[in-house]
N, C-alpha and C. Protein backbone atom coordinates (compact mmCIF):
# COMPACT_ATOMS: atom_id res chain seq x y z
N MET A 1 65.88 105.00 115.10
CA MET A 1 66.70 104.89 116.36
C MET A 1 68.05 105.70 116.08
N PRO A 2 68.32 106.65 116.64
CA PRO A 2 69.52 107.52 116.54
C PRO A 2 70.93 106.63 116.91
N ILE A 3 71.78 107.01 116.08
CA ILE A 3 73.10 106.40 116.45
C ILE A 3 73.79 106.95 117.59
N ALA A 4 74.20 105.99 118.55
CA ALA A 4 74.82 106.41 119.88
C ALA A 4 76.03 106.84 119.53
N VAL A 5 76.70 107.84 119.96
CA VAL A 5 78.05 108.42 120.03
C VAL A 5 78.73 108.44 121.20
N LYS A 6 79.62 107.42 121.34
CA LYS A 6 80.12 107.13 122.64
C LYS A 6 81.66 107.57 122.94
N ASN A 7 82.04 107.92 124.16
CA ASN A 7 83.52 108.00 124.55
C ASN A 7 84.32 109.09 123.88
N PHE A 8 83.73 109.89 123.03
CA PHE A 8 84.46 110.92 122.45
C PHE A 8 84.84 112.09 123.41
N ASN A 9 84.25 112.06 124.57
CA ASN A 9 84.58 113.06 125.56
C ASN A 9 85.91 112.71 126.34
N LYS A 10 86.79 111.49 125.70
CA LYS A 10 87.92 111.15 126.30
C LYS A 10 89.09 111.64 125.82
N GLN A 11 88.70 112.30 124.72
CA GLN A 11 89.89 113.11 123.83
C GLN A 11 89.29 114.55 123.57
N THR A 12 90.21 115.61 123.22
CA THR A 12 89.86 116.90 123.02
C THR A 12 89.97 117.38 121.54
N LEU A 13 90.36 116.54 120.70
CA LEU A 13 90.19 116.98 119.33
C LEU A 13 89.08 117.31 118.61
N ILE A 14 88.09 116.52 118.71
CA ILE A 14 86.70 116.42 118.33
C ILE A 14 85.77 116.14 119.42
N SER A 15 84.52 117.17 119.42
CA SER A 15 83.59 116.90 120.35
C SER A 15 82.58 115.87 119.85
N PRO A 16 81.83 115.36 120.80
CA PRO A 16 80.60 114.44 120.63
C PRO A 16 79.93 115.00 119.48
N GLU A 17 79.54 116.16 119.86
CA GLU A 17 78.58 116.78 118.88
C GLU A 17 78.99 117.14 117.57
N GLU A 18 80.42 117.45 117.38
CA GLU A 18 81.02 117.34 116.09
C GLU A 18 80.88 115.78 115.33
N VAL A 19 81.24 115.08 116.13
CA VAL A 19 81.07 113.40 115.46
C VAL A 19 79.72 113.40 115.10
N ALA A 20 78.47 113.72 115.77
CA ALA A 20 77.33 113.61 115.33
C ALA A 20 76.85 114.44 114.15
N GLU A 21 77.60 115.47 113.93
CA GLU A 21 77.24 116.45 112.93
C GLU A 21 77.88 115.66 111.68
N LEU A 22 79.08 115.12 111.73
CA LEU A 22 79.74 114.56 110.55
C LEU A 22 78.91 113.21 110.28
N ILE A 23 78.36 112.55 110.99
CA ILE A 23 77.44 111.45 110.75
C ILE A 23 76.35 111.91 110.08
N LYS A 24 75.58 112.87 110.40
CA LYS A 24 74.43 113.47 109.81
C LYS A 24 74.83 113.93 108.39
N LYS A 25 76.01 114.15 107.75
CA LYS A 25 76.20 114.77 106.51
C LYS A 25 76.21 113.23 105.57
N ALA A 26 76.21 112.02 106.03
CA ALA A 26 76.10 110.93 105.31
C ALA A 26 74.52 110.78 105.20
N PRO A 27 74.31 110.35 103.73
CA PRO A 27 72.68 109.95 103.65
C PRO A 27 72.17 109.13 104.62
N ALA A 28 70.90 109.57 105.22
CA ALA A 28 70.24 108.80 106.33
C ALA A 28 70.14 107.38 105.88
N SER A 29 69.88 107.07 104.45
CA SER A 29 69.68 105.61 104.05
C SER A 29 70.84 104.78 104.43
N HIS A 30 72.13 105.34 104.57
CA HIS A 30 73.35 104.76 104.73
C HIS A 30 73.71 104.48 106.10
N LEU A 31 72.78 105.07 106.98
CA LEU A 31 73.09 104.94 108.27
C LEU A 31 71.95 104.07 108.96
N LYS A 32 70.85 103.56 108.12
CA LYS A 32 69.89 102.52 108.70
C LYS A 32 70.53 101.25 109.20
N GLY A 33 70.44 100.98 110.43
CA GLY A 33 70.78 99.81 111.42
C GLY A 33 72.12 100.14 111.95
N LEU A 34 72.90 100.96 111.65
CA LEU A 34 74.03 101.36 112.38
C LEU A 34 73.74 101.90 113.77
N ARG A 35 74.45 101.28 114.97
CA ARG A 35 73.85 101.34 116.23
C ARG A 35 74.95 102.46 116.95
N TYR A 36 76.35 102.16 116.61
CA TYR A 36 76.98 103.11 117.51
C TYR A 36 78.23 103.55 116.69
N VAL A 37 78.76 104.69 117.05
CA VAL A 37 80.21 105.18 116.65
C VAL A 37 80.76 105.56 118.10
N VAL A 38 81.91 104.86 118.25
CA VAL A 38 82.61 104.61 119.68
C VAL A 38 84.04 105.07 119.31
N TYR A 39 84.55 105.63 120.26
CA TYR A 39 85.97 106.20 120.40
C TYR A 39 86.46 105.11 121.53
N ASP A 40 87.43 104.52 121.08
CA ASP A 40 88.10 103.31 121.89
C ASP A 40 89.67 103.45 121.94
N PRO A 41 90.24 104.23 122.42
CA PRO A 41 91.55 104.47 122.32
C PRO A 41 92.45 103.03 123.10
N ASN A 42 91.74 102.43 123.94
CA ASN A 42 92.46 101.28 124.43
C ASN A 42 92.17 99.96 123.84
N ARG A 43 91.51 100.12 122.71
CA ARG A 43 91.01 98.94 122.00
C ARG A 43 90.45 97.71 122.57
N PHE A 44 89.60 98.14 123.48
CA PHE A 44 88.95 97.07 124.22
C PHE A 44 88.08 96.24 123.13
N TYR A 45 87.27 96.97 122.18
CA TYR A 45 86.38 96.12 121.39
C TYR A 45 87.17 95.32 120.43
N GLN A 46 88.22 95.88 119.81
CA GLN A 46 89.41 95.08 119.12
C GLN A 46 89.56 93.82 119.70
N ARG A 47 90.01 93.96 121.07
CA ARG A 47 90.54 92.66 121.81
C ARG A 47 89.46 91.98 122.11
N SER A 48 88.19 92.33 122.43
CA SER A 48 87.09 91.66 122.89
C SER A 48 86.38 91.06 121.83
N TYR A 49 85.83 91.64 120.76
CA TYR A 49 84.85 91.22 119.87
C TYR A 49 85.56 90.62 118.38
N VAL A 50 86.63 91.19 117.89
CA VAL A 50 87.18 90.74 116.80
C VAL A 50 88.15 89.33 117.07
N GLN A 51 89.00 89.56 117.81
CA GLN A 51 89.82 88.38 117.97
C GLN A 51 90.58 88.42 119.12
N PRO A 52 90.64 87.34 119.91
CA PRO A 52 91.71 87.48 121.20
C PRO A 52 93.12 87.36 120.75
N VAL A 53 93.63 88.24 120.20
CA VAL A 53 94.95 88.54 119.85
C VAL A 53 95.48 89.93 120.11
N ILE A 54 96.85 90.19 120.20
CA ILE A 54 97.32 91.54 120.24
C ILE A 54 96.94 92.25 119.06
N PRO A 55 96.23 93.58 119.46
CA PRO A 55 95.61 94.33 118.52
C PRO A 55 96.62 94.95 117.56
N ASP A 56 96.18 95.21 116.37
CA ASP A 56 97.10 95.90 115.35
C ASP A 56 97.07 97.25 115.46
N ARG A 57 98.06 97.81 115.99
CA ARG A 57 98.08 99.20 116.26
C ARG A 57 98.07 100.08 115.03
N ARG A 58 98.33 99.59 113.68
CA ARG A 58 98.24 100.33 112.46
C ARG A 58 96.74 100.56 112.20
N VAL A 59 95.85 99.83 112.84
CA VAL A 59 94.54 99.98 112.43
C VAL A 59 93.85 101.02 113.13
N LYS A 60 93.25 102.10 112.52
CA LYS A 60 92.80 103.51 113.30
C LYS A 60 91.36 103.31 113.56
N GLY A 61 90.63 102.59 112.71
CA GLY A 61 89.38 102.41 113.05
C GLY A 61 88.82 101.08 112.36
N GLN A 62 87.55 100.45 112.78
CA GLN A 62 86.95 99.21 112.30
C GLN A 62 85.52 99.38 112.30
N TYR A 63 84.89 98.83 111.29
CA TYR A 63 83.39 98.48 111.28
C TYR A 63 83.24 97.16 111.88
N TYR A 64 82.45 96.82 112.86
CA TYR A 64 81.96 95.58 113.51
C TYR A 64 80.64 95.09 113.03
N PRO A 65 80.55 94.12 112.22
CA PRO A 65 79.12 93.73 111.56
C PRO A 65 78.39 92.86 112.56
N ASP A 66 79.19 92.02 113.19
CA ASP A 66 78.41 90.89 114.11
C ASP A 66 77.60 91.44 114.89
N MET A 67 77.76 91.32 116.32
CA MET A 67 77.11 91.74 117.23
C MET A 67 76.71 93.28 117.43
N LEU A 68 77.63 94.27 116.99
CA LEU A 68 77.42 95.41 117.50
C LEU A 68 76.87 96.51 116.16
N ASP A 69 77.22 96.06 115.15
CA ASP A 69 76.74 97.24 114.01
C ASP A 69 77.29 98.52 114.60
N ALA A 70 78.51 98.49 114.76
CA ALA A 70 79.37 99.89 115.34
C ALA A 70 80.52 100.06 114.48
N ILE A 71 80.74 101.37 114.51
CA ILE A 71 81.87 101.83 113.91
C ILE A 71 82.72 102.18 115.13
N ILE A 72 83.88 101.57 115.20
CA ILE A 72 84.83 101.97 116.44
C ILE A 72 85.97 102.68 116.00
N ILE A 73 86.45 103.80 116.49
CA ILE A 73 87.68 104.69 116.02
C ILE A 73 88.61 104.57 117.44
N TYR A 74 89.77 104.18 116.84
CA TYR A 74 90.85 103.85 117.94
C TYR A 74 91.88 105.19 118.18
N GLU A 75 92.05 105.85 117.19
CA GLU A 75 93.00 106.79 117.22
C GLU A 75 92.43 108.18 116.50
N ILE A 76 92.91 109.42 117.10
CA ILE A 76 92.32 110.56 116.51
C ILE A 76 93.33 111.35 116.35
N LYS A 77 94.00 111.60 115.27
CA LYS A 77 95.28 112.79 115.34
C LYS A 77 94.91 114.13 114.66
N ASP A 78 93.90 114.22 113.93
CA ASP A 78 93.44 115.37 113.65
C ASP A 78 91.83 115.29 113.06
N LYS A 79 91.28 116.43 112.90
CA LYS A 79 89.82 116.33 112.35
C LYS A 79 89.65 115.86 111.04
N LYS A 80 90.38 116.18 110.05
CA LYS A 80 90.43 115.86 108.60
C LYS A 80 90.57 114.39 108.47
N LEU A 81 91.68 113.89 109.22
CA LEU A 81 91.82 112.38 109.15
C LEU A 81 90.78 111.51 109.92
N PHE A 82 90.27 112.20 110.95
CA PHE A 82 89.10 111.34 111.84
C PHE A 82 87.95 111.49 110.74
N SER A 83 87.53 112.55 109.86
CA SER A 83 86.49 112.22 108.96
C SER A 83 86.65 111.28 108.17
N HIS A 84 87.91 111.18 107.45
CA HIS A 84 88.25 110.24 106.53
C HIS A 84 87.88 108.75 107.23
N ILE A 85 88.50 108.64 108.16
CA ILE A 85 88.37 107.41 108.77
C ILE A 85 86.82 106.92 109.28
N LEU A 86 86.19 107.94 109.58
CA LEU A 86 84.76 107.66 110.05
C LEU A 86 83.95 107.31 108.74
N TYR A 87 84.31 107.83 107.64
CA TYR A 87 83.51 107.64 106.28
C TYR A 87 84.01 106.52 105.92
N HIS A 88 85.33 106.10 105.88
CA HIS A 88 85.90 104.91 105.42
C HIS A 88 85.18 103.59 106.13
N GLU A 89 84.94 103.82 107.42
CA GLU A 89 84.46 102.67 107.97
C GLU A 89 82.90 102.55 107.62
N LEU A 90 82.17 103.78 107.75
CA LEU A 90 80.83 103.64 107.17
C LEU A 90 80.69 103.14 105.77
N GLY A 91 81.92 103.33 104.77
CA GLY A 91 81.74 102.61 103.64
C GLY A 91 81.80 101.15 103.70
N HIS A 92 82.65 100.69 104.74
CA HIS A 92 82.62 99.12 105.02
C HIS A 92 81.14 98.81 105.43
N TYR A 93 80.54 99.54 106.34
CA TYR A 93 79.22 99.32 106.61
C TYR A 93 78.03 99.25 105.40
N VAL A 94 78.36 100.22 104.49
CA VAL A 94 77.46 100.28 103.30
C VAL A 94 77.76 98.91 102.26
N PHE A 95 79.06 98.80 102.32
CA PHE A 95 79.26 97.74 101.45
C PHE A 95 78.86 96.21 101.85
N GLN A 96 78.98 96.09 103.23
CA GLN A 96 78.57 94.80 103.98
C GLN A 96 77.13 94.71 104.10
N ARG A 97 76.47 95.80 104.41
CA ARG A 97 74.87 95.72 104.99
C ARG A 97 74.12 96.33 103.99
N LEU A 98 74.26 97.15 103.02
CA LEU A 98 73.31 97.88 102.23
C LEU A 98 73.46 97.46 100.73
N LEU A 99 74.69 97.16 100.23
CA LEU A 99 74.54 97.03 98.86
C LEU A 99 73.89 95.55 98.66
N SER A 100 73.22 95.56 97.65
CA SER A 100 72.76 94.06 97.08
C SER A 100 74.04 92.98 96.61
N ALA A 101 73.71 91.82 96.82
CA ALA A 101 74.73 90.93 96.20
C ALA A 101 75.32 91.34 94.87
N ASP A 102 74.11 91.81 93.90
CA ASP A 102 74.74 92.14 92.32
C ASP A 102 75.53 93.42 92.69
N GLN A 103 75.39 94.29 93.32
CA GLN A 103 76.10 95.54 93.44
C GLN A 103 77.42 95.11 93.83
N ARG A 104 77.58 94.29 95.09
CA ARG A 104 78.91 94.13 95.43
C ARG A 104 79.78 93.18 94.49
N LYS A 105 78.86 92.43 93.70
CA LYS A 105 79.57 91.56 92.53
C LYS A 105 79.97 92.67 91.46
N THR A 106 79.16 93.69 91.11
CA THR A 106 79.82 94.61 90.07
C THR A 106 81.14 95.31 90.50
N TRP A 107 80.92 95.82 91.90
CA TRP A 107 82.13 96.31 92.43
C TRP A 107 83.32 95.68 92.39
N VAL A 108 83.36 94.38 92.82
CA VAL A 108 84.45 93.28 93.00
C VAL A 108 84.83 93.00 91.52
N THR A 109 83.83 92.47 90.63
CA THR A 109 84.50 92.10 89.57
C THR A 109 84.81 93.03 88.37
N LYS A 110 84.04 94.12 88.39
CA LYS A 110 84.20 95.18 87.33
C LYS A 110 85.07 96.45 87.76
N LEU A 111 84.54 97.10 88.94
CA LEU A 111 85.09 98.40 89.21
C LEU A 111 86.60 98.10 89.98
N TYR A 112 86.69 97.38 90.64
CA TYR A 112 87.80 97.06 91.44
C TYR A 112 89.04 96.40 90.55
N ASN A 113 88.50 95.68 89.54
CA ASN A 113 89.42 94.93 88.70
C ASN A 113 89.75 96.08 87.61
N SER A 114 89.26 97.22 87.85
CA SER A 114 89.71 98.13 86.56
C SER A 114 91.18 98.68 86.98
N GLY A 115 91.75 98.30 87.99
CA GLY A 115 92.98 98.94 88.29
C GLY A 115 93.18 100.43 88.74
N GLN A 116 92.12 101.06 88.86
CA GLN A 116 91.98 102.47 89.15
C GLN A 116 91.69 102.77 90.67
N PHE A 117 92.36 103.51 91.40
CA PHE A 117 92.06 103.72 92.62
C PHE A 117 92.27 104.95 93.17
N VAL A 118 91.57 105.52 94.16
CA VAL A 118 91.61 106.61 94.62
C VAL A 118 92.73 106.92 95.84
N SER A 119 93.33 105.66 96.26
CA SER A 119 94.50 105.92 97.12
C SER A 119 95.17 104.69 97.03
N ASP A 120 96.35 104.47 97.54
CA ASP A 120 97.31 103.41 97.49
C ASP A 120 96.56 102.17 98.39
N TYR A 121 95.70 102.72 99.34
CA TYR A 121 95.34 101.56 100.39
C TYR A 121 94.00 101.02 99.72
N ALA A 122 93.43 101.72 98.69
CA ALA A 122 92.35 101.14 97.85
C ALA A 122 92.66 99.93 97.29
N LYS A 123 94.09 99.81 97.08
CA LYS A 123 94.43 98.60 96.12
C LYS A 123 94.35 97.36 96.92
N THR A 124 94.29 97.37 98.45
CA THR A 124 94.39 96.33 99.13
C THR A 124 93.47 95.11 98.97
N ASN A 125 92.35 95.50 98.68
CA ASN A 125 91.20 94.68 98.02
C ASN A 125 89.96 95.38 97.90
N ALA A 126 88.91 94.55 97.31
CA ALA A 126 87.66 95.20 96.72
C ALA A 126 87.03 96.01 97.77
N GLN A 127 86.76 95.29 99.11
CA GLN A 127 86.29 96.06 100.23
C GLN A 127 87.01 97.51 100.77
N GLU A 128 88.38 97.27 100.62
CA GLU A 128 89.06 98.49 100.89
C GLU A 128 88.88 99.50 99.89
N ASP A 129 88.88 99.11 98.65
CA ASP A 129 88.59 99.81 97.42
C ASP A 129 87.21 100.51 97.74
N PHE A 130 86.15 99.69 97.83
CA PHE A 130 84.99 100.65 98.18
C PHE A 130 85.03 101.62 99.32
N ALA A 131 85.49 101.12 100.44
CA ALA A 131 85.44 101.95 101.77
C ALA A 131 86.29 103.41 101.27
N GLU A 132 87.33 103.20 100.77
CA GLU A 132 88.35 104.36 100.34
C GLU A 132 87.53 105.48 99.33
N THR A 133 86.91 104.72 98.43
CA THR A 133 85.99 105.43 97.26
C THR A 133 85.03 106.09 97.82
N TYR A 134 84.28 105.37 98.63
CA TYR A 134 82.99 106.00 99.33
C TYR A 134 83.49 107.20 100.35
N ALA A 135 84.58 106.96 101.12
CA ALA A 135 85.06 108.08 101.84
C ALA A 135 85.34 109.49 101.11
N PHE A 136 85.94 109.16 99.82
CA PHE A 136 86.17 110.27 99.06
C PHE A 136 85.05 110.96 98.36
N PHE A 137 84.03 109.97 98.17
CA PHE A 137 82.74 110.40 97.58
C PHE A 137 81.97 111.29 98.60
N ILE A 138 81.68 110.79 99.80
CA ILE A 138 81.05 111.51 100.82
C ILE A 138 81.73 112.86 101.25
N GLN A 139 82.95 112.89 101.19
CA GLN A 139 83.46 114.21 101.32
C GLN A 139 83.79 115.01 100.31
N ASN A 140 83.17 114.71 99.14
CA ASN A 140 83.39 115.36 97.81
C ASN A 140 85.06 115.76 97.33
N LYS A 141 85.88 114.76 97.56
CA LYS A 141 87.04 114.68 97.34
C LYS A 141 87.34 114.50 95.90
N PRO A 142 88.18 115.23 95.23
CA PRO A 142 88.12 114.96 93.70
C PRO A 142 88.83 113.38 93.28
N PHE A 143 88.08 113.10 92.25
CA PHE A 143 88.36 111.63 91.74
C PHE A 143 89.11 111.84 90.38
N GLY A 144 89.87 111.15 90.24
CA GLY A 144 90.55 111.28 88.82
C GLY A 144 89.82 110.88 87.74
N PHE A 145 90.16 111.38 86.49
CA PHE A 145 89.44 110.97 85.27
C PHE A 145 89.09 109.73 85.14
N ASN A 146 90.00 108.66 85.59
CA ASN A 146 90.01 107.18 85.35
C ASN A 146 89.06 106.49 86.08
N LEU A 147 88.70 107.32 87.38
CA LEU A 147 87.65 106.85 88.31
C LEU A 147 86.44 107.12 88.16
N GLN A 148 85.97 107.55 86.97
CA GLN A 148 84.44 108.11 86.63
C GLN A 148 83.55 106.88 86.84
N ALA A 149 83.85 105.81 86.41
CA ALA A 149 83.08 104.62 86.54
C ALA A 149 82.67 104.26 88.10
N LYS A 150 83.60 104.46 88.88
CA LYS A 150 83.34 104.29 90.40
C LYS A 150 82.42 105.29 91.01
N TYR A 151 82.74 106.55 90.53
CA TYR A 151 81.82 107.76 90.75
C TYR A 151 80.58 107.62 90.37
N ARG A 152 80.38 107.12 89.07
CA ARG A 152 78.94 107.03 88.81
C ARG A 152 78.30 105.82 89.56
N PHE A 153 78.84 104.84 89.72
CA PHE A 153 78.32 103.90 90.53
C PHE A 153 77.79 104.27 91.83
N LEU A 154 78.70 104.85 92.48
CA LEU A 154 78.22 105.62 93.76
C LEU A 154 77.12 106.60 93.74
N GLN A 155 77.30 107.44 92.80
CA GLN A 155 75.93 108.29 92.49
C GLN A 155 74.82 107.67 91.94
N ARG A 156 74.84 106.81 91.13
CA ARG A 156 73.53 106.00 90.74
C ARG A 156 72.69 105.28 91.98
N TYR A 157 73.85 104.81 92.82
CA TYR A 157 73.24 103.83 93.84
C TYR A 157 72.83 104.63 95.28
N PHE A 158 73.54 105.94 95.34
CA PHE A 158 73.37 106.42 96.73
C PHE A 158 72.79 107.80 96.81
N LEU A 159 72.69 108.27 95.54
CA LEU A 159 72.15 109.74 95.70
C LEU A 159 70.69 109.73 94.84
């Protein structure tokens, strides 16, 4: 079943077709079960499905594992940042839905605890570390020498 790309016609920085092309750049096995990629500048999904509280405006995108199996993008400032956010959220999907329990354990206990990160945001927790590292990996952004164990992990399990 193809992934539905929704509401990207509500902005002008990136077309729905460009979003679909970016999605296709990810390995097909990483997309299995993902149903939607949605642009939601009014944060309807965040207010409706995540928690009935005031939305956190700092959050630029989210992966919703429960009912939706969807990646929701809230804000698009430029194409480069959009690509990073899309692949970061796809990284959450991969971590939560596709990695085995042993693979997640390896990431959390060995790789995250190595203290080496691709970005400051990756230091937040093991899931954010995986999502950020995944986004760098998919976009072929350079890894530092100290991050080779994380790079090899992604290479081994996903290519």
